[in-house]
Amino acid sequence: MLLLKLHVLFVLLSGFGFFMRGLGHIKGQAWVQHKLVRILPHVVDTGLLVTAIALLVTLEISPLTDWVLAKIIALIAYIALGVFAFKIAKTPARKALFWVLALLVFAYMYGVAITHSVTW
């Protein structure tokens, strides 16, 4: 299914982009402030969200299904941790802490998506 492959592509792009931006933020690299680096994640994440919703509609999966709801809750935590890592945390150690926590939540979301189980 092309829609699922597109969704997985957006997942990979989003995860890789977050990983790389995190490294840049922790190391204080100037490239993380470049306009394209700040805009592109929003484009990718919009594609990710649109394909996720399209998959739910196409496959007739309720957003209240336990594993989908777990992913939604984890997504909120992931976004909050990313905001702390990239905008709120001031020291490299704190940026790294929130970044690693966000990566762990990302891994959880990925595991839930693969297994369709909240306790993978």
N, C-alpha and C. Protein backbone atom coordinates (compact mmCIF):
# COMPACT_ATOMS: atom_id res chain seq x y z
N MET A 1 0.85 -1.18 0.00
CA MET A 1 0.00 0.00 0.00
C MET A 1 0.90 1.24 0.00
N LEU A 2 0.72 2.06 -1.03
CA LEU A 2 1.55 3.25 -1.22
C LEU A 2 1.43 4.22 -0.04
N LEU A 3 0.24 4.38 0.48
CA LEU A 3 0.02 5.31 1.60
C LEU A 3 0.85 4.90 2.82
N LEU A 4 0.88 3.62 3.11
CA LEU A 4 1.66 3.13 4.25
C LEU A 4 3.15 3.36 4.01
N LYS A 5 3.62 3.11 2.80
CA LYS A 5 5.04 3.34 2.49
C LYS A 5 5.40 4.81 2.62
N LEU A 6 4.51 5.68 2.18
CA LEU A 6 4.74 7.12 2.31
C LEU A 6 4.79 7.52 3.80
N HIS A 7 3.88 6.95 4.58
CA HIS A 7 3.86 7.23 6.02
C HIS A 7 5.17 6.78 6.67
N VAL A 8 5.64 5.59 6.33
CA VAL A 8 6.89 5.08 6.89
C VAL A 8 8.06 5.97 6.46
N LEU A 9 8.05 6.45 5.22
CA LEU A 9 9.09 7.37 4.77
C LEU A 9 9.10 8.64 5.63
N PHE A 10 7.93 9.20 5.90
CA PHE A 10 7.84 10.39 6.75
C PHE A 10 8.32 10.08 8.17
N VAL A 11 8.03 8.90 8.68
CA VAL A 11 8.51 8.50 10.01
C VAL A 11 10.04 8.52 10.02
N LEU A 12 10.64 7.90 9.03
CA LEU A 12 12.10 7.82 8.96
C LEU A 12 12.72 9.21 8.80
N LEU A 13 12.14 10.04 7.93
CA LEU A 13 12.65 11.40 7.75
C LEU A 13 12.52 12.22 9.02
N SER A 14 11.39 12.08 9.69
CA SER A 14 11.15 12.82 10.92
C SER A 14 12.13 12.39 12.02
N GLY A 15 12.29 11.09 12.19
CA GLY A 15 13.20 10.58 13.22
C GLY A 15 14.64 10.96 12.95
N PHE A 16 15.07 10.79 11.69
CA PHE A 16 16.45 11.14 11.34
C PHE A 16 16.69 12.64 11.52
N GLY A 17 15.73 13.44 11.07
CA GLY A 17 15.86 14.89 11.22
C GLY A 17 15.94 15.32 12.67
N PHE A 18 15.10 14.72 13.52
CA PHE A 18 15.12 15.05 14.95
C PHE A 18 16.46 14.64 15.56
N PHE A 19 16.93 13.46 15.19
CA PHE A 19 18.21 12.98 15.71
C PHE A 19 19.33 13.95 15.34
N MET A 20 19.40 14.34 14.08
CA MET A 20 20.48 15.22 13.61
C MET A 20 20.37 16.62 14.23
N ARG A 21 19.15 17.16 14.28
CA ARG A 21 18.98 18.48 14.90
C ARG A 21 19.37 18.44 16.37
N GLY A 22 19.05 17.35 17.04
CA GLY A 22 19.44 17.22 18.45
C GLY A 22 20.94 17.27 18.62
N LEU A 23 21.66 16.54 17.78
CA LEU A 23 23.13 16.60 17.84
C LEU A 23 23.62 18.02 17.62
N GLY A 24 23.03 18.69 16.64
CA GLY A 24 23.43 20.07 16.36
C GLY A 24 23.16 21.01 17.52
N HIS A 25 21.99 20.87 18.14
CA HIS A 25 21.65 21.73 19.28
C HIS A 25 22.59 21.49 20.46
N ILE A 26 22.85 20.23 20.75
CA ILE A 26 23.71 19.90 21.88
C ILE A 26 25.12 20.44 21.68
N LYS A 27 25.60 20.38 20.44
CA LYS A 27 26.95 20.85 20.14
C LYS A 27 27.00 22.35 19.84
N GLY A 28 25.84 23.01 19.87
CA GLY A 28 25.80 24.44 19.62
C GLY A 28 26.14 24.83 18.19
N GLN A 29 25.78 24.00 17.25
CA GLN A 29 26.09 24.26 15.84
C GLN A 29 25.18 25.35 15.27
N ALA A 30 25.73 26.22 14.48
CA ALA A 30 24.97 27.33 13.90
C ALA A 30 23.95 26.85 12.85
N TRP A 31 24.23 25.73 12.17
CA TRP A 31 23.34 25.26 11.09
C TRP A 31 21.93 24.95 11.59
N VAL A 32 21.76 24.67 12.88
CA VAL A 32 20.42 24.35 13.37
C VAL A 32 19.50 25.57 13.36
N GLN A 33 20.08 26.76 13.24
CA GLN A 33 19.28 27.98 13.19
C GLN A 33 18.95 28.41 11.76
N HIS A 34 19.46 27.69 10.78
CA HIS A 34 19.19 28.01 9.38
C HIS A 34 17.69 27.87 9.12
N LYS A 35 17.15 28.77 8.33
CA LYS A 35 15.71 28.81 8.08
C LYS A 35 15.16 27.48 7.56
N LEU A 36 15.83 26.87 6.61
CA LEU A 36 15.36 25.60 6.05
C LEU A 36 15.35 24.49 7.11
N VAL A 37 16.36 24.47 7.96
CA VAL A 37 16.44 23.46 9.03
C VAL A 37 15.31 23.65 10.03
N ARG A 38 14.86 24.88 10.20
CA ARG A 38 13.76 25.14 11.14
C ARG A 38 12.39 24.90 10.51
N ILE A 39 12.26 25.02 9.18
CA ILE A 39 10.97 24.87 8.50
C ILE A 39 10.72 23.43 8.05
N LEU A 40 11.74 22.77 7.52
CA LEU A 40 11.58 21.43 6.96
C LEU A 40 10.95 20.41 7.91
N PRO A 41 11.30 20.40 9.20
CA PRO A 41 10.66 19.43 10.10
C PRO A 41 9.14 19.60 10.17
N HIS A 42 8.67 20.82 10.06
CA HIS A 42 7.21 21.06 10.09
C HIS A 42 6.55 20.50 8.84
N VAL A 43 7.23 20.62 7.71
CA VAL A 43 6.71 20.07 6.45
C VAL A 43 6.64 18.55 6.54
N VAL A 44 7.73 17.94 7.00
CA VAL A 44 7.79 16.48 7.14
C VAL A 44 6.74 16.00 8.14
N ASP A 45 6.65 16.66 9.28
CA ASP A 45 5.71 16.23 10.31
C ASP A 45 4.26 16.43 9.88
N THR A 46 4.01 17.44 9.05
CA THR A 46 2.66 17.61 8.50
C THR A 46 2.33 16.44 7.58
N GLY A 47 3.28 16.06 6.73
CA GLY A 47 3.09 14.89 5.88
C GLY A 47 2.87 13.63 6.70
N LEU A 48 3.60 13.51 7.77
CA LEU A 48 3.46 12.36 8.67
C LEU A 48 2.06 12.31 9.28
N LEU A 49 1.59 13.44 9.75
CA LEU A 49 0.26 13.50 10.36
C LEU A 49 -0.85 13.26 9.33
N VAL A 50 -0.71 13.85 8.16
CA VAL A 50 -1.72 13.66 7.11
C VAL A 50 -1.80 12.21 6.68
N THR A 51 -0.65 11.57 6.50
CA THR A 51 -0.68 10.15 6.10
C THR A 51 -1.20 9.27 7.23
N ALA A 52 -0.92 9.63 8.47
CA ALA A 52 -1.44 8.86 9.61
C ALA A 52 -2.97 8.92 9.64
N ILE A 53 -3.51 10.12 9.47
CA ILE A 53 -4.97 10.28 9.47
C ILE A 53 -5.58 9.55 8.28
N ALA A 54 -4.94 9.67 7.13
CA ALA A 54 -5.44 8.98 5.94
C ALA A 54 -5.43 7.46 6.13
N LEU A 55 -4.41 6.93 6.79
CA LEU A 55 -4.36 5.49 7.08
C LEU A 55 -5.49 5.08 8.02
N LEU A 56 -5.73 5.89 9.05
CA LEU A 56 -6.81 5.58 9.98
C LEU A 56 -8.16 5.55 9.25
N VAL A 57 -8.38 6.51 8.38
CA VAL A 57 -9.64 6.58 7.64
C VAL A 57 -9.73 5.43 6.64
N THR A 58 -8.68 5.22 5.87
CA THR A 58 -8.67 4.17 4.85
C THR A 58 -8.85 2.79 5.45
N LEU A 59 -8.17 2.54 6.55
CA LEU A 59 -8.22 1.21 7.18
C LEU A 59 -9.34 1.09 8.22
N GLU A 60 -10.09 2.19 8.36
CA GLU A 60 -11.22 2.23 9.31
C GLU A 60 -10.80 1.85 10.72
N ILE A 61 -9.73 2.50 11.20
CA ILE A 61 -9.23 2.27 12.55
C ILE A 61 -9.63 3.47 13.40
N SER A 62 -10.22 3.21 14.53
CA SER A 62 -10.64 4.28 15.43
C SER A 62 -9.42 4.89 16.14
N PRO A 63 -9.39 6.22 16.26
CA PRO A 63 -8.30 6.84 17.02
C PRO A 63 -8.36 6.48 18.50
N LEU A 64 -9.47 5.89 18.93
CA LEU A 64 -9.59 5.48 20.33
C LEU A 64 -9.15 4.04 20.56
N THR A 65 -8.70 3.36 19.50
CA THR A 65 -8.11 2.04 19.66
C THR A 65 -6.90 2.18 20.58
N ASP A 66 -6.71 1.21 21.47
CA ASP A 66 -5.68 1.37 22.50
C ASP A 66 -4.30 1.72 21.95
N TRP A 67 -3.86 1.04 20.91
CA TRP A 67 -2.51 1.32 20.41
C TRP A 67 -2.42 2.66 19.69
N VAL A 68 -3.50 3.08 19.03
CA VAL A 68 -3.50 4.39 18.37
C VAL A 68 -3.52 5.49 19.41
N LEU A 69 -4.33 5.33 20.43
CA LEU A 69 -4.40 6.31 21.51
C LEU A 69 -3.05 6.41 22.24
N ALA A 70 -2.39 5.29 22.43
CA ALA A 70 -1.06 5.30 23.05
C ALA A 70 -0.07 6.10 22.21
N LYS A 71 -0.16 5.94 20.88
CA LYS A 71 0.72 6.70 20.00
C LYS A 71 0.41 8.20 20.05
N ILE A 72 -0.86 8.55 20.15
CA ILE A 72 -1.24 9.96 20.22
C ILE A 72 -0.71 10.59 21.51
N ILE A 73 -0.87 9.88 22.62
CA ILE A 73 -0.38 10.38 23.91
C ILE A 73 1.15 10.48 23.88
N ALA A 74 1.80 9.46 23.32
CA ALA A 74 3.25 9.48 23.21
C ALA A 74 3.72 10.62 22.30
N LEU A 75 2.96 10.90 21.24
CA LEU A 75 3.30 11.99 20.34
C LEU A 75 3.30 13.33 21.08
N ILE A 76 2.31 13.53 21.94
CA ILE A 76 2.26 14.76 22.74
C ILE A 76 3.48 14.87 23.64
N ALA A 77 3.86 13.76 24.27
CA ALA A 77 5.06 13.75 25.12
C ALA A 77 6.31 14.01 24.29
N TYR A 78 6.39 13.41 23.11
CA TYR A 78 7.53 13.59 22.20
C TYR A 78 7.69 15.06 21.80
N ILE A 79 6.58 15.68 21.46
CA ILE A 79 6.61 17.09 21.07
C ILE A 79 7.07 17.96 22.25
N ALA A 80 6.51 17.70 23.43
CA ALA A 80 6.88 18.48 24.62
C ALA A 80 8.37 18.31 24.93
N LEU A 81 8.87 17.08 24.88
CA LEU A 81 10.28 16.84 25.15
C LEU A 81 11.16 17.52 24.09
N GLY A 82 10.71 17.52 22.84
CA GLY A 82 11.45 18.20 21.78
C GLY A 82 11.52 19.71 22.01
N VAL A 83 10.41 20.28 22.47
CA VAL A 83 10.40 21.72 22.78
C VAL A 83 11.39 22.02 23.90
N PHE A 84 11.41 21.17 24.92
CA PHE A 84 12.37 21.38 26.00
C PHE A 84 13.80 21.24 25.48
N ALA A 85 14.05 20.23 24.64
CA ALA A 85 15.40 20.00 24.13
C ALA A 85 15.89 21.13 23.24
N PHE A 86 15.00 21.67 22.40
CA PHE A 86 15.43 22.63 21.39
C PHE A 86 15.17 24.09 21.75
N LYS A 87 14.27 24.35 22.67
CA LYS A 87 13.91 25.75 22.94
C LYS A 87 14.07 26.16 24.40
N ILE A 88 13.77 25.28 25.33
CA ILE A 88 13.73 25.69 26.74
C ILE A 88 15.04 25.40 27.46
N ALA A 89 15.57 24.19 27.28
CA ALA A 89 16.82 23.82 27.96
C ALA A 89 17.96 24.73 27.50
N LYS A 90 18.76 25.16 28.44
CA LYS A 90 19.83 26.11 28.13
C LYS A 90 21.21 25.46 28.10
N THR A 91 21.43 24.43 28.90
CA THR A 91 22.75 23.81 28.93
C THR A 91 22.78 22.60 28.00
N PRO A 92 23.95 22.27 27.48
CA PRO A 92 24.06 21.08 26.63
C PRO A 92 23.61 19.80 27.34
N ALA A 93 23.87 19.70 28.63
CA ALA A 93 23.48 18.50 29.38
C ALA A 93 21.95 18.37 29.44
N ARG A 94 21.28 19.46 29.70
CA ARG A 94 19.80 19.41 29.74
C ARG A 94 19.21 19.19 28.35
N LYS A 95 19.80 19.83 27.35
CA LYS A 95 19.34 19.60 25.97
C LYS A 95 19.47 18.12 25.64
N ALA A 96 20.61 17.52 26.00
CA ALA A 96 20.85 16.11 25.72
C ALA A 96 19.87 15.22 26.46
N LEU A 97 19.57 15.55 27.71
CA LEU A 97 18.63 14.75 28.49
C LEU A 97 17.26 14.73 27.84
N PHE A 98 16.72 15.88 27.50
CA PHE A 98 15.39 15.94 26.89
C PHE A 98 15.40 15.31 25.49
N TRP A 99 16.50 15.47 24.77
CA TRP A 99 16.64 14.88 23.44
C TRP A 99 16.61 13.35 23.52
N VAL A 100 17.37 12.79 24.46
CA VAL A 100 17.39 11.34 24.63
C VAL A 100 16.02 10.83 25.07
N LEU A 101 15.38 11.53 25.99
CA LEU A 101 14.04 11.12 26.42
C LEU A 101 13.06 11.15 25.24
N ALA A 102 13.16 12.18 24.41
CA ALA A 102 12.29 12.27 23.22
C ALA A 102 12.58 11.11 22.26
N LEU A 103 13.84 10.76 22.09
CA LEU A 103 14.20 9.63 21.23
C LEU A 103 13.64 8.32 21.77
N LEU A 104 13.63 8.16 23.08
CA LEU A 104 13.04 6.96 23.69
C LEU A 104 11.54 6.91 23.43
N VAL A 105 10.88 8.05 23.52
CA VAL A 105 9.44 8.10 23.22
C VAL A 105 9.21 7.80 21.75
N PHE A 106 10.06 8.32 20.88
CA PHE A 106 9.96 8.02 19.45
C PHE A 106 10.09 6.51 19.21
N ALA A 107 11.04 5.89 19.88
CA ALA A 107 11.22 4.43 19.75
C ALA A 107 9.98 3.69 20.25
N TYR A 108 9.38 4.18 21.33
CA TYR A 108 8.15 3.57 21.83
C TYR A 108 7.04 3.66 20.78
N MET A 109 6.87 4.85 20.20
CA MET A 109 5.84 5.03 19.17
C MET A 109 6.08 4.09 18.00
N TYR A 110 7.33 3.94 17.61
CA TYR A 110 7.67 3.05 16.51
C TYR A 110 7.31 1.60 16.87
N GLY A 111 7.67 1.19 18.07
CA GLY A 111 7.35 -0.16 18.52
C GLY A 111 5.86 -0.43 18.56
N VAL A 112 5.10 0.54 19.06
CA VAL A 112 3.65 0.41 19.10
C VAL A 112 3.08 0.31 17.69
N ALA A 113 3.62 1.09 16.77
CA ALA A 113 3.14 1.07 15.38
C ALA A 113 3.40 -0.29 14.74
N ILE A 114 4.54 -0.88 15.02
CA ILE A 114 4.89 -2.16 14.41
C ILE A 114 4.07 -3.31 15.00
N THR A 115 3.91 -3.28 16.32
CA THR A 115 3.26 -4.42 17.00
C THR A 115 1.76 -4.25 17.21
N HIS A 116 1.28 -3.01 17.11
CA HIS A 116 -0.11 -2.67 17.44
C HIS A 116 -0.44 -3.08 18.87
N SER A 117 0.54 -2.95 19.72
CA SER A 117 0.40 -3.28 21.14
C SER A 117 1.04 -2.16 21.96
N VAL A 118 0.39 -1.79 23.04
CA VAL A 118 0.92 -0.72 23.88
C VAL A 118 2.05 -1.22 24.77
N THR A 119 2.21 -2.51 24.87
CA THR A 119 3.24 -3.09 25.76
C THR A 119 4.23 -3.93 24.98
N TRP A 120 4.68 -3.47 23.88
CA TRP A 120 5.60 -4.23 23.03
C TRP A 120 6.86 -4.50 23.80
